[in-house]
Amino acid sequence: MKVRSFSLRGLILFMAMVVLLLPVHVFAQEPSNVHVLAKTSAPPSLFTPFTVFDPAFSYLEKGQGYISYSGNQKVSIWGETYGTVRVDKISVQLTLQRWTGSAWIDVYLGTNQQESNAAYAYQSLSNISVLSGYYYQTKSYHGILQGSTTESGYRYSASFLVP
């Protein structure tokens, strides 16, 4: 019986590749010891790629928006846009949305964070007041302008129920 031996270096390299292949998501979670009564039905599950835009895009590589519960009916939202190269303009704009039981409505709109001659844009908004018993998510707009070419798209975070 032949036994293969793996080197520590090979194992570390394999684990690093596995971790890099996993999608990176930050999800808000309600505290496990808090019982929350929702004031609406749960929103439908939204299946959307978290980081990949149209493969035909030349400049807009990926982007995502995130949400976290800060406590005391406050949330923080943040987002980032990545270009494949430095572009004339790259931007991210965040919107906080609340589920009404039948539709997502915009309840807070951040400014359009725009960077020039860059390949990355980031925006962070903290301490946004929310209502207990409602589901919230982040809608993020990602855009690039390079010469006369415009590429853009939206992404949505996971939703969560505010205690």
Protein backbone atom coordinates (compact mmCIF):
# COMPACT_ATOMS: atom_id res chain seq x y z
CA MET A 1 0.00 0.00 0.00
CA LYS A 2 1.46 3.28 -1.11
CA VAL A 3 0.88 6.31 1.14
CA ARG A 4 1.18 9.82 -0.22
CA SER A 5 2.70 12.40 2.02
CA PHE A 6 1.81 16.05 1.77
CA SER A 7 4.19 18.75 2.76
CA LEU A 8 3.11 21.48 5.12
CA ARG A 9 3.81 24.04 2.40
CA GLY A 10 1.54 22.17 -0.04
CA LEU A 11 -1.24 21.96 2.52
CA ILE A 12 -1.01 25.69 3.30
CA LEU A 13 -1.03 26.53 -0.42
CA PHE A 14 -4.08 24.31 -0.96
CA MET A 15 -5.96 25.90 1.96
CA ALA A 16 -5.09 29.42 0.73
CA MET A 17 -6.49 28.60 -2.71
CA VAL A 18 -9.70 27.24 -1.19
CA VAL A 19 -10.17 30.38 0.93
CA LEU A 20 -9.52 32.67 -2.04
CA LEU A 21 -12.14 30.84 -4.11
CA LEU A 22 -14.87 31.30 -1.51
CA PRO A 23 -17.10 34.35 -2.04
CA VAL A 24 -16.66 37.01 0.60
CA HIS A 25 -19.89 38.13 2.23
CA VAL A 26 -20.61 40.05 5.37
CA PHE A 27 -24.06 39.43 6.73
CA ALA A 28 -25.75 41.14 9.59
CA GLN A 29 -27.01 38.79 12.24
CA GLU A 30 -29.42 39.51 15.00
CA PRO A 31 -28.27 38.60 18.49
CA SER A 32 -29.15 34.96 19.20
CA ASN A 33 -30.62 35.74 22.62
CA VAL A 34 -33.16 38.29 21.30
CA HIS A 35 -36.60 37.14 20.18
CA VAL A 36 -37.81 39.38 17.36
CA LEU A 37 -41.41 39.78 16.28
CA ALA A 38 -41.52 40.76 12.63
CA LYS A 39 -44.09 43.39 11.65
CA THR A 40 -44.15 42.03 8.06
CA SER A 41 -43.75 38.71 6.35
CA ALA A 42 -40.20 37.76 5.47
CA PRO A 43 -38.94 39.06 2.12
CA PRO A 44 -38.47 36.55 -0.68
CA SER A 45 -35.01 35.07 -1.08
CA LEU A 46 -33.05 37.03 -3.64
CA PHE A 47 -30.67 35.00 -5.75
CA THR A 48 -28.09 37.22 -7.36
CA PRO A 49 -24.34 36.93 -7.85
CA PHE A 50 -22.65 38.93 -5.14
CA THR A 51 -19.54 40.09 -6.96
CA VAL A 52 -19.69 39.41 -10.71
CA PHE A 53 -21.04 41.89 -13.25
CA ASP A 54 -21.65 41.39 -16.97
CA PRO A 55 -18.67 39.39 -18.30
CA ALA A 56 -18.70 41.62 -21.39
CA PHE A 57 -17.71 44.63 -19.26
CA SER A 58 -14.18 45.81 -19.88
CA TYR A 59 -13.70 47.99 -16.80
CA LEU A 60 -16.25 47.17 -14.06
CA GLU A 61 -14.95 44.05 -12.33
CA LYS A 62 -16.91 43.66 -9.10
CA GLY A 63 -18.71 45.43 -6.32
CA GLN A 64 -20.85 44.81 -3.27
CA GLY A 65 -22.80 46.51 -0.53
CA TYR A 66 -22.94 45.34 3.08
CA ILE A 67 -25.05 45.97 6.17
CA SER A 68 -24.50 45.40 9.87
CA TYR A 69 -26.61 46.00 12.94
CA SER A 70 -24.93 48.34 15.43
CA GLY A 71 -27.51 48.00 18.21
CA ASN A 72 -30.05 50.49 19.56
CA GLN A 73 -31.97 50.56 16.25
CA LYS A 74 -28.91 51.69 14.27
CA VAL A 75 -27.26 50.10 11.23
CA SER A 76 -24.11 50.74 9.26
CA ILE A 77 -23.86 50.21 5.52
CA TRP A 78 -20.79 50.20 3.32
CA GLY A 79 -19.86 49.27 -0.21
CA GLU A 80 -17.03 49.07 -2.68
CA THR A 81 -16.51 49.05 -6.43
CA TYR A 82 -13.52 47.50 -8.19
CA GLY A 83 -12.34 48.29 -11.70
CA THR A 84 -10.07 46.12 -13.80
CA VAL A 85 -7.72 49.10 -14.32
CA ARG A 86 -7.56 52.76 -13.32
CA VAL A 87 -10.44 54.59 -14.99
CA ASP A 88 -11.53 58.18 -15.44
CA LYS A 89 -14.28 57.85 -12.80
CA ILE A 90 -15.33 54.98 -10.51
CA SER A 91 -18.19 55.23 -8.04
CA VAL A 92 -20.33 53.54 -5.42
CA GLN A 93 -23.65 54.77 -4.01
CA LEU A 94 -25.50 53.09 -1.15
CA THR A 95 -29.21 52.91 -0.44
CA LEU A 96 -30.74 51.44 2.72
CA GLN A 97 -34.01 49.62 1.97
CA ARG A 98 -36.84 48.41 4.24
CA TRP A 99 -39.23 45.57 3.42
CA THR A 100 -42.92 46.63 3.65
CA GLY A 101 -44.29 43.11 3.38
CA SER A 102 -44.75 43.43 -0.37
CA ALA A 103 -41.91 45.60 -1.68
CA TRP A 104 -38.50 47.05 -0.83
CA ILE A 105 -38.62 50.82 -0.29
CA ASP A 106 -35.68 53.21 -0.12
CA VAL A 107 -35.37 54.78 3.34
CA TYR A 108 -31.88 56.29 3.18
CA LEU A 109 -29.79 57.34 0.18
CA GLY A 110 -26.08 58.02 0.49
CA THR A 111 -24.21 60.41 -1.76
CA ASN A 112 -22.48 59.10 -4.86
CA GLN A 113 -18.88 58.45 -3.73
CA GLN A 114 -16.76 59.02 -6.83
CA GLU A 115 -13.02 58.68 -7.36
CA SER A 116 -11.02 59.95 -10.36
CA ASN A 117 -8.15 58.11 -12.03
CA ALA A 118 -8.65 55.15 -9.72
CA ALA A 119 -9.58 51.46 -9.79
CA TYR A 120 -11.42 51.40 -6.43
CA ALA A 121 -14.19 53.36 -4.72
CA TYR A 122 -15.46 52.90 -1.15
CA GLN A 123 -18.29 54.39 0.89
CA SER A 124 -19.30 53.85 4.51
CA LEU A 125 -22.32 55.25 6.37
CA SER A 126 -22.82 54.68 10.10
CA ASN A 127 -25.52 55.08 12.74
CA ILE A 128 -28.52 55.13 10.42
CA SER A 129 -31.74 54.88 12.45
CA VAL A 130 -34.02 51.91 11.68
CA LEU A 131 -37.30 50.59 13.03
CA SER A 132 -37.57 47.49 15.18
CA GLY A 133 -39.38 44.53 13.64
CA TYR A 134 -38.59 45.31 10.00
CA TYR A 135 -36.27 43.67 7.47
CA TYR A 136 -33.51 45.79 5.95
CA GLN A 137 -30.96 45.38 3.16
CA THR A 138 -28.44 47.47 1.25
CA LYS A 139 -28.83 48.25 -2.45
CA SER A 140 -25.52 49.38 -3.94
CA TYR A 141 -24.93 51.10 -7.29
CA HIS A 142 -21.53 50.59 -8.93
CA GLY A 143 -20.41 52.62 -11.92
CA ILE A 144 -17.44 53.34 -14.11
CA LEU A 145 -16.76 55.96 -16.77
CA GLN A 146 -13.75 55.45 -19.02
CA GLY A 147 -13.64 57.80 -22.00
CA SER A 148 -17.07 57.43 -23.62
CA THR A 149 -17.70 53.98 -22.09
CA THR A 150 -20.09 53.69 -19.15
CA GLU A 151 -20.53 50.43 -17.22
CA SER A 152 -22.76 50.06 -14.17
CA GLY A 153 -24.85 47.70 -12.11
CA TYR A 154 -26.66 47.14 -8.82
CA ARG A 155 -26.03 44.62 -6.06
CA TYR A 156 -28.15 43.73 -3.02
CA SER A 157 -26.94 42.53 0.37
CA ALA A 158 -28.59 39.83 2.41
CA SER A 159 -31.54 41.09 4.45
CA PHE A 160 -32.03 40.82 8.20
CA LEU A 161 -34.67 41.55 10.79
CA VAL A 162 -33.93 44.41 13.19
CA PRO A 163 -34.64 43.35 16.80
